[in-house]
Amino acid sequence: MKVIGIDVGGTKCGISLAEYNQGNISFLGKTRFNTSANPDEVIHRLLNDISALLEENKLGLDNISAAGINCGGPLDAEKGVILCPPNLPGWINVPVVQKFEEALGIPVCLQNDANAGAVAEHLFGAGRGFEHFIFLTHGTGMGAGLILNGKLYSGASSMAGEVGHMRLERFGPVGYGKAGSFEGFCSGGGIAKLGQLMALEHLQKGESVSFCENINNLEDITAKTISEAAQNGDKLAREIFAVSGRYLGRAVAILIDILNPQRILLGSVYGHCKDLLQTTMLEEIEKEAISFSRLACEIKESGLGDAINDYEAVSVAIQMASQSSLS
């Protein structure tokens, strides 16, 4: 089958045209462009790019089985509506599925990026062959895609897996609108905020910080600058990641106890900084999780790594087309 993937991101949007055959995928073409705050403008550009890719490949819409849309939440997957993602200002209650189905005349499915990542890992990555696993985005934000009993679990209102909102401490870095949240301590954005707080403590005591010259430069601290300093042996930078790893382990232990998965797959930040996070994460899991469930669960990095963005939207389309062909 041939499918279209539509990626709506806070920075970039794009189209992927792919062919799926007996468990293998090949990409026939891709486009990318900068996201704007005007959804109608972006949708018009995406539709033009779909037409161009189809023409380049000498295909028509009658050759396409389905289209999948991948977007950050919150959204209503069942109704096909993007509600109000914080990284997409101006995108409020946008009925994207209706707009694309009317324009293309093919089935269209919407999923948030965590769910789409879980589907991609289930079809092509480290979740292949597993009936019960969790995919944690662990990128700029923190969300979870849940594959339970071999199927994506979305919940009563498409909001299952919003684990970044869990409060791990009463006070701490703010993530997902909540101080001390899982996202606040462990996402890429959260690690930056944690680093700013811990760097401020040192700078106010007159101590030097290798990745921040002075208090006026605190906003320049990012997860990347901290990780680079940590890889070079900086003690404070390594301590920041150790703290983040500890909270990562605490949250993962909760997920292990509640859902009893076979695997938990961790995305971008863990893939790049595993050596900085793993020790304290595993220590916390050992301490907090029920042993029977912990011993049944592997903790691994995403099988698709940084390429997962290429797979997410087309995986949603493949899943939808496959289910339609069976019904």
Protein backbone atom coordinates (compact mmCIF):
# COMPACT_ATOMS: atom_id res chain seq x y z
CA MET A 1 0.00 0.00 0.00
CA LYS A 2 1.01 3.61 -0.54
CA VAL A 3 0.31 6.17 2.18
CA ILE A 4 0.80 9.84 2.97
CA GLY A 5 2.25 11.11 6.25
CA ILE A 6 1.41 14.67 7.33
CA ASP A 7 3.62 16.08 10.08
CA VAL A 8 2.41 19.22 11.86
CA GLY A 9 5.19 20.42 14.14
CA GLY A 10 5.82 23.53 16.19
CA THR A 11 8.80 24.44 14.02
CA LYS A 12 8.43 22.46 10.79
CA CYS A 13 5.60 20.87 8.83
CA GLY A 14 5.95 18.39 6.04
CA ILE A 15 4.72 15.54 3.90
CA SER A 16 6.09 12.03 3.47
CA LEU A 17 5.00 9.69 0.70
CA ALA A 18 5.75 6.05 1.46
CA GLU A 19 5.12 2.53 0.25
CA TYR A 20 4.52 -0.33 2.69
CA ASN A 21 4.96 -3.94 1.64
CA GLN A 22 5.06 -7.03 3.88
CA GLY A 23 6.50 -5.21 6.91
CA ASN A 24 8.97 -3.09 4.95
CA ILE A 25 8.71 0.61 4.19
CA SER A 26 10.32 2.75 1.50
CA PHE A 27 10.01 6.53 1.30
CA LEU A 28 9.17 7.87 -2.15
CA GLY A 29 9.50 11.54 -1.29
CA LYS A 30 9.49 14.14 1.50
CA THR A 31 8.96 17.89 1.87
CA ARG A 32 9.50 20.25 4.80
CA PHE A 33 8.75 23.93 5.47
CA ASN A 34 8.48 26.31 8.43
CA THR A 35 5.24 26.25 10.44
CA SER A 36 3.17 29.42 10.65
CA ALA A 37 0.48 30.48 13.12
CA ASN A 38 -2.14 30.43 10.35
CA PRO A 39 -3.50 26.86 10.07
CA ASP A 40 -5.36 27.50 6.80
CA GLU A 41 -2.15 28.74 5.20
CA VAL A 42 -0.24 25.66 6.38
CA ILE A 43 -2.95 23.22 5.28
CA HIS A 44 -3.02 24.84 1.82
CA ARG A 45 0.77 24.44 1.55
CA LEU A 46 0.59 20.81 2.72
CA LEU A 47 -2.07 20.01 0.10
CA ASN A 48 0.08 21.60 -2.61
CA ASP A 49 3.07 19.52 -1.49
CA ILE A 50 0.96 16.34 -1.60
CA SER A 51 -0.04 17.13 -5.19
CA ALA A 52 3.59 17.81 -6.14
CA LEU A 53 4.88 14.56 -4.59
CA LEU A 54 2.16 12.52 -6.27
CA GLU A 55 2.95 14.13 -9.63
CA GLU A 56 6.69 13.48 -9.21
CA ASN A 57 5.95 9.80 -8.59
CA LYS A 58 3.33 9.56 -11.37
CA LEU A 59 0.63 8.65 -8.85
CA GLY A 60 -2.94 9.77 -8.27
CA LEU A 61 -5.00 9.89 -5.07
CA ASP A 62 -6.65 6.66 -6.17
CA ASN A 63 -3.27 4.99 -5.56
CA ILE A 64 -3.19 6.16 -1.91
CA SER A 65 -4.72 3.98 0.81
CA ALA A 66 -4.78 6.51 3.67
CA ALA A 67 -3.15 9.56 5.21
CA GLY A 68 -1.93 9.97 8.78
CA ILE A 69 -1.46 13.25 10.64
CA ASN A 70 1.07 13.54 13.46
CA CYS A 71 0.83 16.55 15.78
CA GLY A 72 1.64 17.51 19.35
CA GLY A 73 -1.32 17.51 21.75
CA PRO A 74 -3.72 18.27 23.17
CA LEU A 75 -5.97 17.04 20.40
CA ASP A 76 -9.10 14.94 19.93
CA ALA A 77 -8.08 12.00 17.76
CA GLU A 78 -11.61 10.57 17.55
CA LYS A 79 -13.07 13.83 16.22
CA GLY A 80 -9.92 14.66 14.23
CA VAL A 81 -9.47 18.07 15.83
CA ILE A 82 -6.25 19.82 16.93
CA LEU A 83 -7.35 21.55 20.14
CA CYS A 84 -4.69 24.00 21.41
CA PRO A 85 -1.08 22.71 21.37
CA PRO A 86 1.24 25.06 23.29
CA ASN A 87 3.85 24.80 20.51
CA LEU A 88 1.29 25.80 17.83
CA PRO A 89 -0.04 29.26 18.71
CA GLY A 90 -3.08 30.09 16.61
CA TRP A 91 -4.04 26.44 16.10
CA ILE A 92 -7.22 26.30 18.18
CA ASN A 93 -9.99 23.75 17.45
CA VAL A 94 -8.74 23.04 13.92
CA PRO A 95 -10.72 20.17 12.27
CA VAL A 96 -7.73 18.88 10.30
CA VAL A 97 -9.12 15.43 9.50
CA GLN A 98 -12.27 16.92 7.96
CA LYS A 99 -10.23 19.41 5.92
CA PHE A 100 -7.88 16.78 4.51
CA GLU A 101 -10.58 14.18 3.89
CA GLU A 102 -12.65 16.73 1.96
CA ALA A 103 -9.64 17.80 -0.11
CA LEU A 104 -8.15 14.34 -0.73
CA GLY A 105 -11.12 11.99 -0.68
CA ILE A 106 -9.21 9.30 1.24
CA PRO A 107 -9.34 8.11 4.88
CA VAL A 108 -7.35 10.36 7.24
CA CYS A 109 -6.36 9.69 10.87
CA LEU A 110 -4.96 12.09 13.49
CA GLN A 111 -2.69 11.08 16.41
CA ASN A 112 -0.50 12.97 18.85
CA ASP A 113 3.24 12.60 18.48
CA ALA A 114 3.64 10.18 21.40
CA ASN A 115 0.96 7.82 20.10
CA ALA A 116 2.33 8.08 16.57
CA GLY A 117 5.81 7.29 17.93
CA ALA A 118 4.47 4.20 19.71
CA VAL A 119 2.79 2.98 16.52
CA ALA A 120 6.01 3.58 14.56
CA GLU A 121 8.07 1.64 17.12
CA HIS A 122 5.48 -1.16 17.06
CA LEU A 123 5.64 -1.48 13.27
CA PHE A 124 9.32 -0.76 12.57
CA GLY A 125 11.33 -0.21 15.76
CA ALA A 126 12.18 -1.70 19.13
CA GLY A 127 8.51 -2.40 19.92
CA ARG A 128 8.15 -4.83 17.04
CA GLY A 129 6.77 -8.15 18.26
CA PHE A 130 5.81 -6.84 21.72
CA GLU A 131 2.23 -6.78 23.00
CA HIS A 132 2.76 -4.43 25.96
CA PHE A 133 5.17 -1.49 25.77
CA ILE A 134 5.41 2.22 26.45
CA PHE A 135 7.10 4.78 24.22
CA LEU A 136 8.25 7.94 26.02
CA THR A 137 8.99 10.84 23.67
CA HIS A 138 11.66 12.24 26.05
CA GLY A 139 12.34 15.17 23.73
CA THR A 140 11.54 18.86 24.13
CA GLY A 141 8.49 17.63 26.07
CA MET A 142 7.50 14.35 27.71
CA GLY A 143 4.54 12.23 26.61
CA ALA A 144 3.79 8.52 26.38
CA GLY A 145 2.35 6.31 23.68
CA LEU A 146 0.83 3.12 25.12
CA ILE A 147 0.66 -0.18 23.25
CA LEU A 148 -1.42 -2.49 25.44
CA ASN A 149 -2.57 -5.97 24.38
CA GLY A 150 -1.01 -5.25 20.99
CA LYS A 151 -3.12 -2.14 20.35
CA LEU A 152 -2.69 1.60 20.81
CA TYR A 153 -4.53 2.76 23.93
CA SER A 154 -5.85 6.34 23.62
CA GLY A 155 -8.29 6.58 26.53
CA ALA A 156 -11.78 8.04 26.85
CA SER A 157 -10.92 11.42 25.32
CA SER A 158 -7.67 10.72 23.42
CA MET A 159 -5.65 11.97 26.40
CA ALA A 160 -4.11 8.72 27.68
CA GLY A 161 -0.36 8.86 28.09
CA GLU A 162 -0.02 12.49 29.20
CA VAL A 163 2.57 11.38 31.75
CA GLY A 164 4.54 14.63 31.53
CA HIS A 165 1.83 16.19 33.70
CA MET A 166 2.50 13.86 36.68
CA ARG A 167 3.81 15.84 39.65
CA LEU A 168 6.94 14.23 41.12
CA GLU A 169 7.70 16.99 43.62
CA ARG A 170 5.74 19.87 45.10
CA PHE A 171 8.37 22.31 43.83
CA GLY A 172 10.70 22.10 40.87
CA PRO A 173 11.09 23.11 37.22
CA VAL A 174 7.79 23.85 35.48
CA GLY A 175 6.77 21.54 32.66
CA TYR A 176 3.34 20.99 31.13
CA GLY A 177 1.98 23.83 33.27
CA LYS A 178 2.94 22.20 36.57
CA ALA A 179 5.91 22.81 38.88
CA GLY A 180 7.84 19.67 39.79
CA SER A 181 6.28 17.62 36.98
CA PHE A 182 7.81 14.68 35.11
CA GLU A 183 8.22 16.93 32.07
CA GLY A 184 9.69 19.64 34.29
CA PHE A 185 12.49 17.41 35.56
CA CYS A 186 13.15 15.11 32.61
CA SER A 187 12.34 16.57 29.19
CA GLY A 188 14.90 18.46 27.15
CA GLY A 189 13.19 21.71 28.09
CA GLY A 190 13.00 20.57 31.71
CA ILE A 191 16.70 19.69 31.89
CA ALA A 192 17.46 23.21 30.64
CA LYS A 193 15.29 24.72 33.40
CA LEU A 194 16.83 22.43 36.01
CA GLY A 195 20.27 23.47 34.78
CA GLN A 196 19.36 27.14 35.04
CA LEU A 197 18.21 26.69 38.65
CA MET A 198 21.30 24.73 39.69
CA ALA A 199 23.66 27.06 37.83
CA LEU A 200 22.05 30.07 39.55
CA GLU A 201 22.83 28.56 42.96
CA HIS A 202 26.51 28.25 42.06
CA LEU A 203 26.78 31.67 40.42
CA GLN A 204 25.19 33.42 43.41
CA LYS A 205 27.83 31.83 45.64
CA GLY A 206 30.55 33.25 43.40
CA GLU A 207 31.41 29.88 41.88
CA SER A 208 32.15 29.54 38.17
CA VAL A 209 29.92 27.50 35.85
CA SER A 210 31.59 26.25 32.68
CA PHE A 211 28.42 26.33 30.58
CA CYS A 212 27.18 29.75 31.81
CA GLU A 213 29.40 32.80 32.10
CA ASN A 214 27.18 34.84 34.43
CA ILE A 215 23.64 35.29 35.75
CA ASN A 216 22.66 37.35 32.71
CA ASN A 217 23.28 34.31 30.47
CA LEU A 218 21.07 31.82 32.33
CA GLU A 219 18.47 31.81 29.54
CA ASP A 220 21.16 30.59 27.11
CA ILE A 221 21.49 27.30 28.99
CA THR A 222 20.00 24.37 27.07
CA ALA A 223 19.98 20.60 27.52
CA LYS A 224 22.55 20.46 24.72
CA THR A 225 25.00 22.88 26.37
CA ILE A 226 24.68 20.99 29.66
CA SER A 227 25.20 17.60 27.98
CA GLU A 228 28.28 18.88 26.14
CA ALA A 229 29.74 20.11 29.43
CA ALA A 230 28.86 16.81 31.11
CA GLN A 231 30.54 14.79 28.36
CA ASN A 232 33.65 16.90 28.97
CA GLY A 233 33.58 15.93 32.66
CA ASP A 234 31.98 19.03 34.20
CA LYS A 235 30.88 18.07 37.72
CA LEU A 236 27.81 20.34 37.91
CA ALA A 237 26.57 19.32 34.46
CA ARG A 238 26.88 15.65 35.37
CA GLU A 239 25.02 16.31 38.64
CA ILE A 240 22.16 17.95 36.69
CA PHE A 241 21.78 14.82 34.55
CA ALA A 242 22.06 12.60 37.62
CA VAL A 243 19.14 14.49 39.20
CA SER A 244 17.10 14.24 36.00
CA GLY A 245 17.90 10.52 35.76
CA ARG A 246 16.68 9.98 39.31
CA TYR A 247 13.29 11.56 38.53
CA LEU A 248 13.16 9.68 35.24
CA GLY A 249 13.56 6.45 37.19
CA ARG A 250 10.89 7.49 39.68
CA ALA A 251 8.35 8.13 36.92
CA VAL A 252 9.29 4.99 34.98
CA ALA A 253 8.83 2.93 38.18
CA ILE A 254 5.27 4.29 38.49
CA LEU A 255 4.54 3.28 34.89
CA ILE A 256 6.01 -0.18 35.48
CA ASP A 257 3.86 -0.69 38.58
CA ILE A 258 0.64 0.50 36.91
CA LEU A 259 0.93 -1.01 33.41
CA ASN A 260 3.34 -3.94 33.79
CA PRO A 261 4.90 -3.49 30.31
CA GLN A 262 7.44 -5.75 28.61
CA ARG A 263 9.45 -2.76 27.41
CA ILE A 264 9.73 0.97 27.96
CA LEU A 265 11.33 2.79 25.04
CA LEU A 266 12.89 6.20 25.66
CA GLY A 267 13.23 8.76 22.89
CA SER A 268 15.60 11.52 21.89
CA VAL A 269 17.25 12.78 25.11
CA TYR A 270 17.89 9.29 26.47
CA GLY A 271 19.28 8.14 23.13
CA HIS A 272 21.84 10.96 23.17
CA CYS A 273 22.57 11.02 26.92
CA LYS A 274 22.09 7.43 28.09
CA ASP A 275 25.47 7.32 29.83
CA LEU A 276 24.54 10.41 31.88
CA LEU A 277 21.04 9.25 32.89
CA GLN A 278 21.12 5.48 33.15
CA THR A 279 22.85 4.91 36.50
CA THR A 280 20.56 7.05 38.68
CA MET A 281 17.51 6.02 36.64
CA LEU A 282 18.13 2.32 37.25
CA GLU A 283 18.90 2.92 40.93
CA GLU A 284 15.54 4.63 41.38
CA ILE A 285 13.65 1.93 39.46
CA GLU A 286 15.32 -0.75 41.60
CA LYS A 287 14.25 1.10 44.74
CA GLU A 288 10.69 2.04 43.72
CA ALA A 289 9.20 -0.53 41.33
CA ILE A 290 7.56 -3.83 42.30
CA SER A 291 10.22 -6.47 41.65
CA PHE A 292 7.94 -8.88 39.75
CA SER A 293 6.97 -6.15 37.28
CA ARG A 294 10.46 -4.63 37.14
CA LEU A 295 12.08 -7.93 36.21
CA ALA A 296 9.58 -8.40 33.37
CA CYS A 297 10.40 -5.01 31.82
CA GLU A 298 13.35 -3.92 29.66
CA ILE A 299 14.32 -0.24 29.50
CA LYS A 300 15.75 0.63 26.08
CA GLU A 301 16.29 3.61 23.82
CA SER A 302 14.01 4.14 20.81
CA GLY A 303 14.76 1.71 18.02
CA LEU A 304 14.16 4.37 15.38
CA GLY A 305 16.25 7.04 17.08
CA ASP A 306 16.30 10.46 15.44
CA ALA A 307 14.65 9.00 12.32
CA ILE A 308 11.39 8.43 14.19
CA ASN A 309 9.91 11.70 12.87
CA ASP A 310 10.04 10.24 9.35
CA TYR A 311 8.04 7.19 10.45
CA GLU A 312 5.38 8.59 12.79
CA ALA A 313 2.74 10.01 10.45
CA VAL A 314 3.09 7.30 7.79
CA SER A 315 2.82 4.63 10.54
CA VAL A 316 -0.51 6.13 11.63
CA ALA A 317 -1.68 5.94 7.99
CA ILE A 318 -0.46 2.34 7.60
CA GLN A 319 -2.23 1.27 10.79
CA MET A 320 -5.46 2.92 9.68
CA ALA A 321 -5.31 1.41 6.17
CA SER A 322 -4.49 -2.05 7.58
CA GLN A 323 -7.43 -1.95 10.00
CA SER A 324 -9.76 -0.75 7.23
CA SER A 325 -8.71 -3.63 4.97
CA LEU A 326 -9.48 -6.14 7.74
CA SER A 327 -12.94 -4.76 8.53
